[in-house]
C-alpha atoms as a PDB file:
ATOM      1  CA  MET A   1       0.380  14.909 -25.000  1.00  0.00           C
ATOM      2  CA  GLY A   2       2.419  11.834 -25.919  1.00  0.00           C
ATOM      3  CA  LYS A   3       4.749  12.343 -22.958  1.00  0.00           C
ATOM      4  CA  LEU A   4       1.765  12.527 -20.617  1.00  0.00           C
ATOM      5  CA  VAL A   5       0.380   9.241 -21.951  1.00  0.00           C
ATOM      6  CA  LEU A   6       3.778   7.576 -21.562  1.00  0.00           C
ATOM      7  CA  ALA A   7       4.123   8.889 -18.016  1.00  0.00           C
ATOM      8  CA  MET A   8       0.656   7.636 -17.095  1.00  0.00           C
ATOM      9  CA  ALA A   9       1.418   4.237 -18.620  1.00  0.00           C
ATOM     10  CA  ALA A  10       4.641   4.056 -16.596  1.00  0.00           C
ATOM     11  CA  VAL A  11       2.744   4.865 -13.379  1.00  0.00           C
ATOM     12  CA  VAL A  12       0.131   2.208 -14.110  1.00  0.00           C
ATOM     13  CA  ALA A  13       2.810  -0.378 -14.883  1.00  0.00           C
ATOM     14  CA  ALA A  14       4.664   0.484 -11.672  1.00  0.00           C
ATOM     15  CA  LEU A  15       1.483   0.112  -9.625  1.00  0.00           C
ATOM     16  CA  ILE A  16       0.728  -3.257 -11.198  1.00  0.00           C
ATOM     17  CA  LEU A  17       4.234  -4.507 -10.483  1.00  0.00           C
ATOM     18  CA  TRP A  18       4.107  -3.139  -6.919  1.00  0.00           C
ATOM     19  CA  MET A  19       0.732  -4.734  -6.165  1.00  0.00           C
ATOM     20  CA  ALA A  20       1.409  -8.106  -7.838  1.00  0.00           C
ATOM     21  CA  PRO A  21       3.429  -9.576  -4.933  1.00  0.00           C
ATOM     22  CA  MET A  22       0.654  -8.662  -2.479  1.00  0.00           C
ATOM     23  CA  ALA A  23      -1.956 -10.386  -4.598  1.00  0.00           C
ATOM     24  CA  GLN A  24       0.236 -13.466  -4.954  1.00  0.00           C
ATOM     25  CA  ALA A  25       1.041 -13.550  -1.235  1.00  0.00           C
ATOM     26  CA  ALA A  26      -2.575 -14.268  -0.286  1.00  0.00           C
ATOM     27  CA  ASP A  27      -3.844 -17.813  -0.704  1.00  0.00           C
ATOM     28  CA  LEU A  28      -7.597 -17.472  -1.270  1.00  0.00           C
ATOM     29  CA  SER A  29      -8.164 -21.227  -1.093  1.00  0.00           C
ATOM     30  CA  HIS A  30      -6.485 -21.351   2.293  1.00  0.00           C
ATOM     31  CA  GLY A  31      -8.421 -18.224   3.332  1.00  0.00           C
ATOM     32  CA  LYS A  32     -11.655 -20.005   2.432  1.00  0.00           C
ATOM     33  CA  GLN A  33     -10.668 -22.938   4.685  1.00  0.00           C
ATOM     34  CA  ILE A  34      -9.808 -20.588   7.556  1.00  0.00           C
ATOM     35  CA  PHE A  35     -13.123 -18.767   7.049  1.00  0.00           C
ATOM     36  CA  ALA A  36     -15.096 -22.026   7.076  1.00  0.00           C
ATOM     37  CA  SER A  37     -13.388 -23.169  10.278  1.00  0.00           C
ATOM     38  CA  ASN A  38     -13.365 -19.910  12.234  1.00  0.00           C
ATOM     39  CA  CYS A  39     -15.733 -17.333  10.776  1.00  0.00           C
ATOM     40  CA  ALA A  40     -18.663 -18.967   9.001  1.00  0.00           C
ATOM     41  CA  ALA A  41     -20.638 -19.628  12.189  1.00  0.00           C
ATOM     42  CA  CYS A  42     -21.234 -15.880  12.548  1.00  0.00           C
ATOM     43  CA  HIS A  43     -20.586 -14.753   8.961  1.00  0.00           C
ATOM     44  CA  ILE A  44     -22.119 -17.466   6.777  1.00  0.00           C
ATOM     45  CA  GLY A  45     -22.540 -16.207   3.232  1.00  0.00           C
ATOM     46  CA  GLY A  46     -21.005 -12.870   4.196  1.00  0.00           C
ATOM     47  CA  GLY A  47     -23.757 -12.118   6.686  1.00  0.00           C
ATOM     48  CA  ASN A  48     -23.517 -11.363  10.403  1.00  0.00           C
ATOM     49  CA  VAL A  49     -25.756 -13.250  12.834  1.00  0.00           C
ATOM     50  CA  VAL A  50     -24.760 -10.984  15.737  1.00  0.00           C
ATOM     51  CA  ASN A  51     -25.194  -7.565  14.103  1.00  0.00           C
ATOM     52  CA  GLY A  52     -27.058  -7.504  10.799  1.00  0.00           C
ATOM     53  CA  ALA A  53     -25.762  -4.007   9.994  1.00  0.00           C
ATOM     54  CA  LYS A  54     -22.147  -5.161   9.963  1.00  0.00           C
ATOM     55  CA  THR A  55     -22.049  -7.858   7.322  1.00  0.00           C
ATOM     56  CA  LEU A  56     -19.090  -8.710   5.126  1.00  0.00           C
ATOM     57  CA  LYS A  57     -20.928  -7.498   2.045  1.00  0.00           C
ATOM     58  CA  GLN A  58     -19.336  -4.701   0.054  1.00  0.00           C
ATOM     59  CA  ALA A  59     -21.862  -1.987   0.969  1.00  0.00           C
ATOM     60  CA  ASP A  60     -21.473  -2.652   4.703  1.00  0.00           C
ATOM     61  CA  LEU A  61     -17.687  -2.895   4.473  1.00  0.00           C
ATOM     62  CA  ASP A  62     -17.721   0.500   2.712  1.00  0.00           C
ATOM     63  CA  ALA A  63     -20.134   2.021   5.249  1.00  0.00           C
ATOM     64  CA  ASN A  64     -18.096   0.769   8.212  1.00  0.00           C
ATOM     65  CA  GLY A  65     -14.649   1.743   6.916  1.00  0.00           C
ATOM     66  CA  MET A  66     -13.665  -1.891   6.422  1.00  0.00           C
ATOM     67  CA  ALA A  67     -13.321  -2.032   2.630  1.00  0.00           C
ATOM     68  CA  SER A  68      -9.651  -3.002   2.459  1.00  0.00           C
ATOM     69  CA  VAL A  69      -7.602  -6.098   3.148  1.00  0.00           C
ATOM     70  CA  GLU A  70      -5.642  -4.097   5.731  1.00  0.00           C
ATOM     71  CA  ALA A  71      -8.780  -3.059   7.661  1.00  0.00           C
ATOM     72  CA  ILE A  72     -10.164  -6.607   7.601  1.00  0.00           C
ATOM     73  CA  THR A  73      -6.814  -7.995   8.767  1.00  0.00           C
ATOM     74  CA  THR A  74      -6.799  -5.536  11.680  1.00  0.00           C
ATOM     75  CA  GLN A  75     -10.343  -6.574  12.639  1.00  0.00           C
ATOM     76  CA  VAL A  76      -9.478 -10.273  12.488  1.00  0.00           C
ATOM     77  CA  THR A  77      -6.266  -9.719  14.449  1.00  0.00           C
ATOM     78  CA  ASN A  78      -7.638  -7.488  17.209  1.00  0.00           C
ATOM     79  CA  GLY A  79     -11.362  -8.193  17.212  1.00  0.00           C
ATOM     80  CA  LYS A  80     -13.891  -5.520  18.169  1.00  0.00           C
ATOM     81  CA  ASN A  81     -17.161  -5.504  20.076  1.00  0.00           C
ATOM     82  CA  ALA A  82     -18.680  -9.000  19.776  1.00  0.00           C
ATOM     83  CA  MET A  83     -15.985 -10.240  17.378  1.00  0.00           C
ATOM     84  CA  PRO A  84     -13.133 -12.028  19.131  1.00  0.00           C
ATOM     85  CA  ALA A  85      -9.476 -11.354  18.372  1.00  0.00           C
ATOM     86  CA  PHE A  86      -7.700 -14.116  16.495  1.00  0.00           C
ATOM     87  CA  LYS A  87      -4.173 -12.949  17.290  1.00  0.00           C
ATOM     88  CA  GLY A  88      -2.452 -15.897  18.917  1.00  0.00           C
ATOM     89  CA  ARG A  89      -5.137 -18.285  17.653  1.00  0.00           C
ATOM     90  CA  LEU A  90      -4.336 -17.933  13.952  1.00  0.00           C
ATOM     91  CA  SER A  91      -0.982 -17.315  12.314  1.00  0.00           C
ATOM     92  CA  ASP A  92      -0.271 -14.007  10.593  1.00  0.00           C
ATOM     93  CA  GLN A  93      -0.495 -15.822   7.244  1.00  0.00           C
ATOM     94  CA  ASP A  94      -3.853 -17.382   8.202  1.00  0.00           C
ATOM     95  CA  MET A  95      -5.213 -13.932   9.065  1.00  0.00           C
ATOM     96  CA  ALA A  96      -3.826 -12.414   5.850  1.00  0.00           C
ATOM     97  CA  ASP A  97      -5.347 -15.210   3.773  1.00  0.00           C
ATOM     98  CA  VAL A  98      -8.777 -15.006   5.397  1.00  0.00           C
ATOM     99  CA  ALA A  99      -8.806 -11.206   5.062  1.00  0.00           C
ATOM    100  CA  ALA A 100      -7.953 -11.494   1.365  1.00  0.00           C
ATOM    101  CA  TYR A 101     -10.660 -14.135   0.970  1.00  0.00           C
ATOM    102  CA  VAL A 102     -13.286 -11.938   2.673  1.00  0.00           C
ATOM    103  CA  PHE A 103     -12.286  -8.927   0.575  1.00  0.00           C
ATOM    104  CA  ASN A 104     -12.408 -10.991  -2.617  1.00  0.00           C
ATOM    105  CA  GLN A 105     -15.805 -12.464  -1.720  1.00  0.00           C
ATOM    106  CA  ALA A 106     -17.202  -9.007  -0.982  1.00  0.00           C
ATOM    107  CA  GLU A 107     -16.008  -7.799  -4.383  1.00  0.00           C
ATOM    108  CA  GLN A 108     -17.642 -10.834  -6.004  1.00  0.00           C
ATOM    109  CA  GLY A 109     -20.928 -10.345  -4.134  1.00  0.00           C
ATOM    110  CA  TRP A 110     -20.582 -13.409  -1.894  1.00  0.00           C
END
């Protein structure tokens, strides 16, 4: 039993260390600025003025398969339906930061 607990603790520690650089790489303050300048017109407060069923709120992100930073980054990069693509208009870091910001806001309830 003790070996199992130690093994689980080692796995948890490894995951924390592996994920820490990703969390540090995103600049949420910068993401908020990018959001305000490029996204808020359609997504103010996490809503969606074009399609009310596809908000940036956690339940809708879950329902639409968008509940990860990676999925949000892909959407921002490539666009889809009424949402324009931002590839070439924003840097990769800008898109990563705004995706992290959106994900964080959804987790916090906007």
